[in-house]
Amino acid sequence: MAIPWQTIDRISTDEGVLELRRRGEGDFLITVDGRVLMNSRAHRTEKALGTLACGHLKSISAPQVFVGGLGMGYTLRAVLDALPAEAGVRVVEINPAVVDWCRGPLAGLTGGAASDRRVRIEIGDVARTVCNGSWRKDRRFHAVVYDLYTGPYSRTHAESDPVYGRRALSVVYRVLTPGGVFAVWGEDLDAGFARRLAAVGFETTVRRPGGGGPRHVVYLGKRPEGPRSQQ
């Protein structure tokens, strides 16, 4: 007999009721309005996202990383595993309940990534943070990682989108160090988003990590070491 899911916390959001559900000891779901956003059994792409974004930073002195979106913390765990002890990671998560879950019932999934001493978590909207002038005044980041529950999607995210549009991508380009990496999770391929990355100057590649089953997308944009090319 299948073990039933139990709701262990729920809150109201603009998108609907956000719930954390558990089955047994270590099987978790996060849902919104009844739709599954995250599953603790399926996190291959999230781990690849953090590793691909930060794998080049192990030998960098005190690298700085920005992570947009916390989720269940799997991407953050992969980011931390790729970084030296003196690194700094700034995380922006829109919902404080998700932070509480990652520091509470979900902490065992990631070895307490959300409580790591290298991590500073802020409650806020990634789009507003990116467009805020104070973000651009911070010291530059060696990697910027987006693990938002809605990735680039051709039917809804166009040139003017506040997160995935060209202006927002240009801001990310400017805040990265030369050689820095911008990594974005996507549910499926959006060729228009890949073109926008290239158009603002990124050296762009698209990965589908793993084999078999659902294969989500990781977009990688590297800021070149030399001067910005003219598009």
Protein backbone atom coordinates (compact mmCIF):
# COMPACT_ATOMS: atom_id res chain seq x y z
CA MET A 1 0.00 0.00 0.00
CA ALA A 2 1.37 3.40 -1.01
CA ILE A 3 2.28 5.78 1.77
CA PRO A 4 0.04 8.89 1.55
CA TRP A 5 1.42 12.41 1.30
CA GLN A 6 1.01 14.60 4.37
CA THR A 7 0.93 18.40 4.28
CA ILE A 8 3.31 19.70 6.93
CA ASP A 9 2.99 23.42 6.16
CA ARG A 10 0.95 25.65 3.86
CA ILE A 11 0.73 29.37 3.17
CA SER A 12 -1.28 31.59 0.84
CA THR A 13 0.53 33.33 -2.03
CA ASP A 14 -0.47 35.32 -5.10
CA GLU A 15 0.00 32.13 -7.13
CA GLY A 16 -2.24 30.04 -4.86
CA VAL A 17 -1.63 27.96 -1.74
CA LEU A 18 2.02 26.95 -1.36
CA GLU A 19 2.41 23.62 0.43
CA LEU A 20 5.23 21.49 1.75
CA ARG A 21 4.29 17.81 1.69
CA ARG A 22 6.12 14.78 3.05
CA ARG A 23 5.81 11.05 2.49
CA GLY A 24 7.78 8.82 4.82
CA GLU A 25 11.01 10.23 6.22
CA GLY A 26 12.81 11.81 3.27
CA ASP A 27 10.39 12.23 0.37
CA PHE A 28 9.18 15.84 -0.07
CA LEU A 29 7.12 17.90 -2.49
CA ILE A 30 6.57 21.63 -2.78
CA THR A 31 3.35 22.47 -4.58
CA VAL A 32 1.50 25.66 -5.46
CA ASP A 33 -2.24 25.61 -6.18
CA GLY A 34 -1.94 21.82 -6.37
CA ARG A 35 0.80 21.88 -9.03
CA VAL A 36 4.14 20.24 -8.19
CA LEU A 37 7.02 22.72 -8.26
CA MET A 38 9.79 20.62 -6.71
CA ASN A 39 10.30 16.98 -5.83
CA SER A 40 13.12 15.80 -3.57
CA ARG A 41 13.55 12.69 -5.75
CA ALA A 42 14.20 14.68 -8.93
CA HIS A 43 16.99 17.24 -8.62
CA ARG A 44 19.57 16.19 -11.21
CA THR A 45 19.37 19.44 -13.18
CA GLU A 46 19.45 21.64 -10.09
CA LYS A 47 22.69 20.00 -8.94
CA ALA A 48 24.16 20.30 -12.43
CA LEU A 49 23.18 23.98 -12.49
CA GLY A 50 25.22 24.81 -9.41
CA THR A 51 28.19 22.71 -10.47
CA LEU A 52 28.34 24.11 -14.01
CA ALA A 53 28.04 27.67 -12.69
CA CYS A 54 30.77 27.43 -10.07
CA GLY A 55 33.04 24.55 -11.04
CA HIS A 56 35.71 27.00 -12.20
CA LEU A 57 35.85 28.83 -8.85
CA LYS A 58 37.54 26.34 -6.53
CA SER A 59 40.93 27.99 -6.93
CA ILE A 60 39.65 31.59 -6.90
CA SER A 61 40.34 33.62 -3.78
CA ALA A 62 37.08 34.53 -1.96
CA PRO A 63 34.73 34.18 -4.97
CA GLN A 64 31.32 35.84 -4.76
CA VAL A 65 28.17 34.15 -6.09
CA PHE A 66 24.58 35.35 -6.48
CA VAL A 67 21.78 32.78 -6.40
CA GLY A 68 18.25 33.74 -7.39
CA GLY A 69 15.75 31.31 -5.87
CA LEU A 70 16.27 28.78 -3.08
CA GLY A 71 13.84 25.96 -3.85
CA MET A 72 14.70 22.88 -1.80
CA GLY A 73 18.32 23.99 -1.62
CA TYR A 74 19.84 21.47 -4.03
CA THR A 75 21.31 24.12 -6.33
CA LEU A 76 22.71 26.01 -3.36
CA ARG A 77 24.29 22.78 -2.06
CA ALA A 78 25.99 22.19 -5.43
CA VAL A 79 27.20 25.81 -5.49
CA LEU A 80 28.69 25.48 -2.00
CA ASP A 81 30.36 22.18 -2.84
CA ALA A 82 32.16 23.86 -5.74
CA LEU A 83 33.41 26.84 -3.69
CA PRO A 84 36.34 27.36 -1.31
CA ALA A 85 35.81 28.02 2.39
CA GLU A 86 36.22 31.80 2.08
CA ALA A 87 33.55 32.25 -0.61
CA GLY A 88 30.43 34.37 -0.19
CA VAL A 89 27.00 33.45 -1.52
CA ARG A 90 24.11 35.89 -1.66
CA VAL A 91 20.69 34.23 -2.08
CA VAL A 92 17.48 36.06 -2.89
CA GLU A 93 14.27 34.10 -2.22
CA ILE A 94 10.82 35.62 -2.52
CA ASN A 95 9.08 33.55 0.13
CA PRO A 96 10.27 33.44 3.76
CA ALA A 97 8.44 30.13 4.30
CA VAL A 98 10.76 28.45 1.78
CA VAL A 99 13.76 29.68 3.76
CA ASP A 100 12.23 28.30 6.97
CA TRP A 101 11.60 24.94 5.28
CA CYS A 102 15.18 24.74 3.98
CA ARG A 103 16.52 25.47 7.46
CA GLY A 104 13.97 23.12 9.06
CA PRO A 105 12.35 19.97 7.66
CA LEU A 106 14.30 20.07 4.35
CA ALA A 107 17.71 20.76 5.90
CA GLY A 108 18.71 17.10 5.94
CA LEU A 109 18.37 16.87 2.15
CA THR A 110 21.26 19.28 1.58
CA GLY A 111 23.40 19.02 4.69
CA GLY A 112 22.01 22.32 5.98
CA ALA A 113 23.04 24.36 2.93
CA ALA A 114 20.76 27.28 3.84
CA SER A 115 22.53 27.62 7.20
CA ASP A 116 26.08 27.47 5.82
CA ARG A 117 28.22 30.31 7.19
CA ARG A 118 29.12 31.39 3.63
CA VAL A 119 25.47 32.08 2.79
CA ARG A 120 23.50 35.29 3.22
CA ILE A 121 19.78 34.94 2.43
CA GLU A 122 17.56 37.92 1.66
CA ILE A 123 13.81 37.94 1.17
CA GLY A 124 12.97 39.70 -2.07
CA ASP A 125 12.01 39.52 -5.71
CA VAL A 126 14.84 38.61 -8.08
CA ALA A 127 13.54 40.90 -10.85
CA ARG A 128 13.42 43.91 -8.52
CA THR A 129 16.82 43.06 -7.06
CA VAL A 130 18.44 42.87 -10.49
CA CYS A 131 16.91 46.15 -11.63
CA ASN A 132 17.84 47.93 -8.40
CA GLY A 133 20.86 50.19 -8.81
CA SER A 134 22.27 49.14 -5.43
CA TRP A 135 22.71 45.54 -6.74
CA ARG A 136 25.00 46.83 -9.47
CA LYS A 137 27.07 48.74 -6.90
CA ASP A 138 27.94 45.52 -5.05
CA ARG A 139 31.32 43.94 -5.65
CA ARG A 140 31.19 41.94 -8.83
CA PHE A 141 30.08 38.33 -8.83
CA HIS A 142 32.07 35.43 -10.21
CA ALA A 143 28.84 33.55 -10.93
CA VAL A 144 25.13 34.35 -11.08
CA VAL A 145 22.72 31.43 -10.80
CA TYR A 146 18.95 31.50 -11.39
CA ASP A 147 16.96 28.56 -10.00
CA LEU A 148 13.48 30.06 -10.21
CA TYR A 149 10.46 27.80 -10.36
CA THR A 150 9.51 29.37 -13.69
CA GLY A 151 12.41 29.27 -16.13
CA PRO A 152 12.57 31.00 -19.53
CA TYR A 153 9.52 30.10 -21.58
CA SER A 154 8.97 31.27 -25.14
CA ARG A 155 5.23 31.93 -24.77
CA THR A 156 5.51 34.21 -21.76
CA HIS A 157 9.07 35.55 -21.50
CA ALA A 158 10.02 37.94 -24.26
CA GLU A 159 12.44 40.82 -24.86
CA SER A 160 10.88 43.00 -22.15
CA ASP A 161 10.60 40.36 -19.41
CA PRO A 162 11.96 41.72 -16.07
CA VAL A 163 14.01 38.56 -15.43
CA TYR A 164 14.67 36.95 -18.81
CA GLY A 165 14.46 39.98 -21.13
CA ARG A 166 17.41 41.67 -22.79
CA ARG A 167 17.70 44.59 -20.35
CA ALA A 168 17.80 42.27 -17.32
CA LEU A 169 20.37 40.06 -19.01
CA SER A 170 22.53 43.10 -19.74
CA VAL A 171 22.52 43.96 -16.03
CA VAL A 172 23.74 40.46 -15.17
CA TYR A 173 26.46 40.74 -17.82
CA ARG A 174 27.74 43.97 -16.28
CA VAL A 175 27.81 42.66 -12.71
CA LEU A 176 29.84 39.55 -13.61
CA THR A 177 33.60 39.52 -13.48
CA PRO A 178 35.38 38.81 -16.81
CA GLY A 179 35.22 35.05 -17.21
CA GLY A 180 32.21 34.91 -14.87
CA VAL A 181 29.33 32.52 -15.56
CA PHE A 182 25.57 33.11 -15.67
CA ALA A 183 23.65 29.84 -15.25
CA VAL A 184 19.86 29.55 -15.61
CA TRP A 185 17.54 26.59 -15.01
CA GLY A 186 14.78 25.97 -17.54
CA GLU A 187 12.01 23.43 -17.80
CA ASP A 188 12.36 23.21 -21.57
CA LEU A 189 14.38 24.82 -24.33
CA ASP A 190 13.59 28.45 -25.22
CA ALA A 191 15.72 29.26 -28.26
CA GLY A 192 14.78 32.94 -27.99
CA PHE A 193 16.28 33.16 -24.51
CA ALA A 194 19.52 31.57 -25.73
CA ARG A 195 19.66 34.13 -28.54
CA ARG A 196 19.15 36.99 -26.07
CA LEU A 197 22.03 35.73 -23.95
CA ALA A 198 24.29 35.78 -26.99
CA ALA A 199 22.97 39.18 -28.10
CA VAL A 200 24.09 40.92 -24.89
CA GLY A 201 27.60 39.46 -25.21
CA PHE A 202 27.59 36.08 -23.45
CA GLU A 203 29.39 33.08 -24.87
CA THR A 204 26.36 30.83 -24.72
CA THR A 205 25.85 27.08 -24.43
CA VAL A 206 22.82 24.96 -23.55
CA ARG A 207 23.02 21.68 -21.63
CA ARG A 208 20.51 18.94 -20.88
CA PRO A 209 22.15 17.08 -17.97
CA GLY A 210 21.86 13.33 -17.58
CA GLY A 211 20.08 10.78 -19.69
CA GLY A 212 16.64 9.22 -19.60
CA GLY A 213 13.52 10.66 -18.01
CA PRO A 214 12.71 14.38 -17.96
CA ARG A 215 15.74 16.36 -19.03
CA HIS A 216 15.48 20.00 -18.08
CA VAL A 217 17.73 22.70 -19.49
CA VAL A 218 20.73 24.55 -18.11
CA TYR A 219 21.63 27.73 -20.00
CA LEU A 220 25.21 28.88 -19.54
CA GLY A 221 26.44 32.34 -20.44
CA LYS A 222 30.10 33.16 -19.92
CA ARG A 223 31.27 36.75 -19.88
CA PRO A 224 34.37 36.82 -22.13
CA GLU A 225 37.73 37.68 -20.63
CA GLY A 226 38.34 40.39 -23.23
CA PRO A 227 36.36 43.48 -24.27
CA ARG A 228 32.62 43.11 -24.87
CA SER A 229 31.77 42.35 -28.46
CA GLN A 230 29.39 44.62 -30.31
CA GLN A 231 26.07 43.02 -31.20
